């Protein structure tokens, strides 16, 4: 099980990303618009830099929803390989058969 603080920090980042998504998208559109004068684009860059760092989508870490493990994460299932194996062994995931020999 991952540290509770790490899981909560990641959840806080998800909330920040959701709340700042519109503002961040508008500013990025201004920055990438080559038709605008350089002064306006630079002002947009400065405003973008003033936003919280944790409001950027790339700061979110994919974590297992069951254990909080950050590595060996399956995006489609939203869980780690270890949690997947345990649930598969218990027969709780339809269509999954754990291999053993």
N, C-alpha and C. Protein backbone atom coordinates (compact mmCIF):
# COMPACT_ATOMS: atom_id res chain seq x y z
N UNK A 1 0.84 -1.18 0.00
CA UNK A 1 0.00 0.00 0.00
C UNK A 1 0.89 1.24 0.00
N UNK A 2 0.54 2.17 -0.84
CA UNK A 2 1.31 3.41 -0.95
C UNK A 2 1.02 4.33 0.23
N UNK A 3 1.92 5.28 0.44
CA UNK A 3 1.69 6.26 1.50
C UNK A 3 0.41 7.03 1.21
N UNK A 4 -0.36 7.23 2.24
CA UNK A 4 -1.64 7.93 2.07
C UNK A 4 -1.41 9.36 1.60
N UNK A 5 -0.34 9.98 2.05
CA UNK A 5 -0.06 11.37 1.66
C UNK A 5 0.22 11.46 0.16
N UNK A 6 0.90 10.46 -0.40
CA UNK A 6 1.20 10.48 -1.84
C UNK A 6 -0.08 10.33 -2.66
N UNK A 7 -0.97 9.47 -2.21
CA UNK A 7 -2.24 9.26 -2.92
C UNK A 7 -3.08 10.53 -2.84
N UNK A 8 -3.13 11.15 -1.66
CA UNK A 8 -3.92 12.37 -1.48
C UNK A 8 -3.33 13.53 -2.28
N UNK A 9 -2.00 13.61 -2.35
CA UNK A 9 -1.35 14.66 -3.13
C UNK A 9 -1.72 14.54 -4.60
N UNK A 10 -1.77 13.30 -5.08
CA UNK A 10 -2.14 13.07 -6.48
C UNK A 10 -3.60 13.43 -6.73
N UNK A 11 -4.48 13.14 -5.77
CA UNK A 11 -5.89 13.51 -5.90
C UNK A 11 -6.05 15.02 -5.92
N UNK A 12 -5.26 15.71 -5.10
CA UNK A 12 -5.29 17.18 -5.08
C UNK A 12 -4.87 17.73 -6.45
N UNK A 13 -3.86 17.10 -7.06
CA UNK A 13 -3.41 17.51 -8.38
C UNK A 13 -4.52 17.33 -9.41
N UNK A 14 -5.24 16.20 -9.32
CA UNK A 14 -6.35 15.95 -10.25
C UNK A 14 -7.41 17.04 -10.15
N UNK A 15 -7.73 17.46 -8.92
CA UNK A 15 -8.72 18.51 -8.72
C UNK A 15 -8.24 19.84 -9.30
N UNK A 16 -6.96 20.17 -9.08
CA UNK A 16 -6.40 21.40 -9.62
C UNK A 16 -6.42 21.40 -11.15
N UNK A 17 -6.07 20.27 -11.74
CA UNK A 17 -6.07 20.17 -13.21
C UNK A 17 -7.47 20.42 -13.73
N UNK A 18 -8.46 19.83 -13.07
CA UNK A 18 -9.84 19.99 -13.51
C UNK A 18 -10.30 21.44 -13.40
N UNK A 19 -9.93 22.12 -12.30
CA UNK A 19 -10.41 23.48 -12.09
C UNK A 19 -9.71 24.50 -12.99
N UNK A 20 -8.45 24.27 -13.33
CA UNK A 20 -7.69 25.23 -14.14
C UNK A 20 -7.63 24.86 -15.62
N UNK A 21 -8.30 23.79 -16.03
CA UNK A 21 -8.18 23.30 -17.41
C UNK A 21 -8.59 24.35 -18.44
N UNK A 22 -9.72 25.01 -18.23
CA UNK A 22 -10.19 26.00 -19.20
C UNK A 22 -9.26 27.19 -19.33
N UNK A 23 -8.85 27.73 -18.19
CA UNK A 23 -7.96 28.90 -18.18
C UNK A 23 -6.63 28.56 -18.83
N UNK A 24 -6.10 27.38 -18.51
CA UNK A 24 -4.82 26.94 -19.06
C UNK A 24 -4.92 26.75 -20.58
N UNK A 25 -6.03 26.20 -21.05
CA UNK A 25 -6.22 25.98 -22.49
C UNK A 25 -6.30 27.31 -23.24
N UNK A 26 -7.02 28.28 -22.66
CA UNK A 26 -7.13 29.59 -23.32
C UNK A 26 -5.76 30.26 -23.43
N UNK A 27 -4.99 30.23 -22.34
CA UNK A 27 -3.66 30.85 -22.35
C UNK A 27 -2.73 30.15 -23.34
N UNK A 28 -2.79 28.82 -23.39
CA UNK A 28 -1.94 28.09 -24.33
C UNK A 28 -2.31 28.41 -25.77
N UNK A 29 -3.61 28.61 -26.02
CA UNK A 29 -4.04 28.97 -27.38
C UNK A 29 -3.47 30.33 -27.76
N UNK A 30 -3.44 31.28 -26.82
CA UNK A 30 -2.85 32.60 -27.09
C UNK A 30 -1.35 32.49 -27.36
N UNK A 31 -0.68 31.67 -26.57
CA UNK A 31 0.77 31.52 -26.72
C UNK A 31 1.09 30.91 -28.09
N UNK A 32 0.29 29.97 -28.55
CA UNK A 32 0.58 29.26 -29.80
C UNK A 32 0.05 29.97 -31.04
N UNK A 33 -0.69 31.07 -30.86
CA UNK A 33 -1.25 31.81 -32.00
C UNK A 33 -0.16 32.72 -32.59
N UNK A 34 0.35 32.34 -33.75
CA UNK A 34 1.45 33.08 -34.38
C UNK A 34 1.00 34.42 -34.98
N UNK A 35 -0.30 34.63 -35.11
CA UNK A 35 -0.83 35.87 -35.68
C UNK A 35 -0.78 37.03 -34.69
N UNK A 36 -0.77 36.73 -33.39
CA UNK A 36 -0.76 37.77 -32.35
C UNK A 36 0.61 38.43 -32.25
N UNK A 37 0.64 39.67 -31.81
CA UNK A 37 1.94 40.32 -31.57
C UNK A 37 2.71 39.62 -30.44
N UNK A 38 4.01 39.74 -30.51
CA UNK A 38 4.87 39.04 -29.55
C UNK A 38 4.62 39.49 -28.11
N UNK A 39 4.23 40.76 -27.92
CA UNK A 39 3.99 41.26 -26.56
C UNK A 39 2.80 40.55 -25.91
N UNK A 40 1.73 40.36 -26.69
CA UNK A 40 0.55 39.67 -26.15
C UNK A 40 0.87 38.21 -25.83
N UNK A 41 1.62 37.58 -26.71
CA UNK A 41 1.98 36.18 -26.49
C UNK A 41 2.87 36.04 -25.25
N UNK A 42 3.79 36.98 -25.08
CA UNK A 42 4.67 36.93 -23.92
C UNK A 42 3.89 37.17 -22.63
N UNK A 43 2.91 38.07 -22.68
CA UNK A 43 2.05 38.31 -21.52
C UNK A 43 1.27 37.05 -21.16
N UNK A 44 0.83 36.30 -22.17
CA UNK A 44 0.13 35.05 -21.92
C UNK A 44 1.05 34.01 -21.29
N UNK A 45 2.31 34.01 -21.72
CA UNK A 45 3.30 33.10 -21.13
C UNK A 45 3.48 33.41 -19.64
N UNK A 46 3.57 34.71 -19.32
CA UNK A 46 3.75 35.11 -17.93
C UNK A 46 2.54 34.73 -17.08
N UNK A 47 1.34 34.90 -17.62
CA UNK A 47 0.13 34.51 -16.88
C UNK A 47 0.08 33.00 -16.69
N UNK A 48 0.52 32.27 -17.71
CA UNK A 48 0.56 30.81 -17.61
C UNK A 48 1.54 30.37 -16.52
N UNK A 49 2.64 31.09 -16.41
CA UNK A 49 3.65 30.76 -15.39
C UNK A 49 3.15 31.07 -13.98
N UNK A 50 2.18 31.98 -13.85
CA UNK A 50 1.65 32.32 -12.53
C UNK A 50 0.69 31.25 -11.99
N UNK A 51 0.16 30.42 -12.88
CA UNK A 51 -0.75 29.36 -12.43
C UNK A 51 0.01 28.35 -11.58
N UNK A 52 -0.70 27.64 -10.70
CA UNK A 52 -0.01 26.62 -9.88
C UNK A 52 0.60 25.53 -10.76
N UNK A 53 1.78 25.08 -10.38
CA UNK A 53 2.45 24.04 -11.16
C UNK A 53 1.65 22.75 -11.17
N UNK A 54 1.01 22.45 -10.05
CA UNK A 54 0.25 21.21 -9.97
C UNK A 54 -1.04 21.25 -10.77
N UNK A 55 -1.33 22.36 -11.44
CA UNK A 55 -2.51 22.41 -12.29
C UNK A 55 -2.20 21.94 -13.71
N UNK A 56 -0.96 21.55 -13.96
CA UNK A 56 -0.58 21.01 -15.26
C UNK A 56 -0.89 19.51 -15.30
N UNK A 57 -1.43 19.06 -16.41
CA UNK A 57 -1.87 17.66 -16.53
C UNK A 57 -0.70 16.68 -16.43
N UNK A 58 0.48 17.08 -16.86
CA UNK A 58 1.62 16.17 -16.86
C UNK A 58 2.11 15.86 -15.45
N UNK A 59 1.66 16.61 -14.45
CA UNK A 59 2.11 16.37 -13.07
C UNK A 59 1.33 15.24 -12.40
N UNK A 60 0.25 14.79 -13.03
CA UNK A 60 -0.55 13.70 -12.45
C UNK A 60 0.19 12.38 -12.65
N UNK A 61 0.24 11.58 -11.60
CA UNK A 61 0.87 10.27 -11.65
C UNK A 61 -0.22 9.22 -11.67
N UNK A 62 -0.16 8.30 -12.63
CA UNK A 62 -1.13 7.21 -12.67
C UNK A 62 -0.85 6.28 -11.50
N UNK A 63 -1.88 6.02 -10.69
CA UNK A 63 -1.74 5.16 -9.53
C UNK A 63 -2.86 4.13 -9.51
N UNK A 64 -2.56 2.97 -8.98
CA UNK A 64 -3.55 1.91 -8.81
C UNK A 64 -4.66 2.41 -7.89
N UNK A 65 -5.91 2.19 -8.29
CA UNK A 65 -7.03 2.65 -7.47
C UNK A 65 -7.21 1.79 -6.23
N UNK A 66 -6.65 0.59 -6.23
CA UNK A 66 -6.81 -0.31 -5.08
C UNK A 66 -5.70 -0.11 -4.06
N UNK A 67 -4.44 -0.14 -4.55
CA UNK A 67 -3.31 -0.07 -3.63
C UNK A 67 -2.59 1.27 -3.62
N UNK A 68 -2.73 2.05 -4.67
CA UNK A 68 -2.01 3.32 -4.76
C UNK A 68 -0.63 3.17 -5.36
N UNK A 69 -0.29 1.98 -5.80
CA UNK A 69 1.04 1.72 -6.37
C UNK A 69 1.22 2.52 -7.66
N UNK A 70 2.36 3.23 -7.82
CA UNK A 70 2.56 4.07 -8.99
C UNK A 70 3.18 3.35 -10.20
N UNK A 71 3.72 2.17 -10.00
CA UNK A 71 4.40 1.48 -11.10
C UNK A 71 3.62 0.26 -11.56
N UNK A 72 3.96 -0.23 -12.75
CA UNK A 72 3.29 -1.39 -13.35
C UNK A 72 1.79 -1.16 -13.38
N UNK A 73 1.39 -0.02 -13.94
CA UNK A 73 -0.01 0.43 -13.95
C UNK A 73 -0.63 0.13 -15.30
N UNK A 74 -1.78 -0.54 -15.31
CA UNK A 74 -2.53 -0.78 -16.53
C UNK A 74 -3.58 0.32 -16.67
N UNK A 75 -3.47 1.14 -17.69
CA UNK A 75 -4.39 2.27 -17.86
C UNK A 75 -5.82 1.82 -18.08
N UNK A 76 -5.98 0.78 -18.86
CA UNK A 76 -7.32 0.31 -19.21
C UNK A 76 -8.08 -0.16 -17.97
N UNK A 77 -7.36 -0.78 -17.04
CA UNK A 77 -8.00 -1.34 -15.84
C UNK A 77 -7.86 -0.43 -14.62
N UNK A 78 -6.99 0.58 -14.71
CA UNK A 78 -6.72 1.51 -13.62
C UNK A 78 -6.25 0.80 -12.35
N UNK A 79 -5.40 -0.21 -12.55
CA UNK A 79 -4.82 -0.91 -11.40
C UNK A 79 -3.44 -1.45 -11.75
N UNK A 80 -2.70 -1.81 -10.72
CA UNK A 80 -1.35 -2.32 -10.92
C UNK A 80 -1.39 -3.81 -11.23
N UNK A 81 -0.27 -4.33 -11.67
CA UNK A 81 -0.19 -5.74 -12.04
C UNK A 81 -0.42 -6.64 -10.82
N UNK A 82 0.01 -6.18 -9.65
CA UNK A 82 -0.13 -7.00 -8.45
C UNK A 82 -1.59 -7.11 -8.04
N UNK A 83 -2.30 -5.97 -8.06
CA UNK A 83 -3.72 -5.99 -7.72
C UNK A 83 -4.49 -6.80 -8.76
N UNK A 84 -4.10 -6.69 -10.03
CA UNK A 84 -4.75 -7.45 -11.09
C UNK A 84 -4.58 -8.95 -10.85
N UNK A 85 -3.38 -9.34 -10.48
CA UNK A 85 -3.13 -10.77 -10.23
C UNK A 85 -3.93 -11.29 -9.05
N UNK A 86 -3.98 -10.50 -7.98
CA UNK A 86 -4.73 -10.94 -6.81
C UNK A 86 -6.22 -11.10 -7.12
N UNK A 87 -6.79 -10.09 -7.79
CA UNK A 87 -8.20 -10.17 -8.14
C UNK A 87 -8.47 -11.29 -9.14
N UNK A 88 -7.53 -11.51 -10.05
CA UNK A 88 -7.67 -12.60 -11.02
C UNK A 88 -7.63 -13.96 -10.33
N UNK A 89 -6.77 -14.10 -9.33
CA UNK A 89 -6.68 -15.37 -8.59
C UNK A 89 -7.96 -15.65 -7.81
N UNK A 90 -8.60 -14.58 -7.34
CA UNK A 90 -9.85 -14.73 -6.59
C UNK A 90 -11.04 -14.93 -7.51
N UNK A 91 -10.83 -14.77 -8.82
CA UNK A 91 -11.92 -14.94 -9.78
C UNK A 91 -12.85 -13.75 -9.86
N UNK A 92 -12.36 -12.56 -9.51
CA UNK A 92 -13.21 -11.38 -9.49
C UNK A 92 -13.16 -10.58 -10.79
N UNK A 93 -12.28 -10.97 -11.71
CA UNK A 93 -12.20 -10.28 -13.00
C UNK A 93 -12.67 -11.26 -14.07
N UNK A 94 -13.80 -10.96 -14.71
CA UNK A 94 -14.34 -11.89 -15.71
C UNK A 94 -13.40 -12.05 -16.91
N UNK A 95 -13.22 -13.29 -17.32
CA UNK A 95 -12.41 -13.58 -18.50
C UNK A 95 -10.93 -13.69 -18.23
N UNK A 96 -10.48 -13.43 -17.01
CA UNK A 96 -9.06 -13.51 -16.69
C UNK A 96 -8.76 -14.82 -16.00
N UNK A 97 -7.81 -15.57 -16.58
CA UNK A 97 -7.41 -16.83 -16.00
C UNK A 97 -5.92 -16.74 -15.68
N UNK A 98 -5.60 -16.89 -14.41
CA UNK A 98 -4.21 -16.81 -14.01
C UNK A 98 -3.47 -18.08 -14.42
N UNK A 99 -2.34 -17.89 -15.03
CA UNK A 99 -1.55 -19.03 -15.48
C UNK A 99 -0.75 -19.62 -14.34
N UNK A 100 -0.71 -20.94 -14.27
CA UNK A 100 0.14 -21.62 -13.28
C UNK A 100 0.54 -22.96 -13.86
N UNK A 101 1.79 -23.36 -13.61
CA UNK A 101 2.26 -24.65 -14.13
C UNK A 101 3.22 -25.30 -13.18
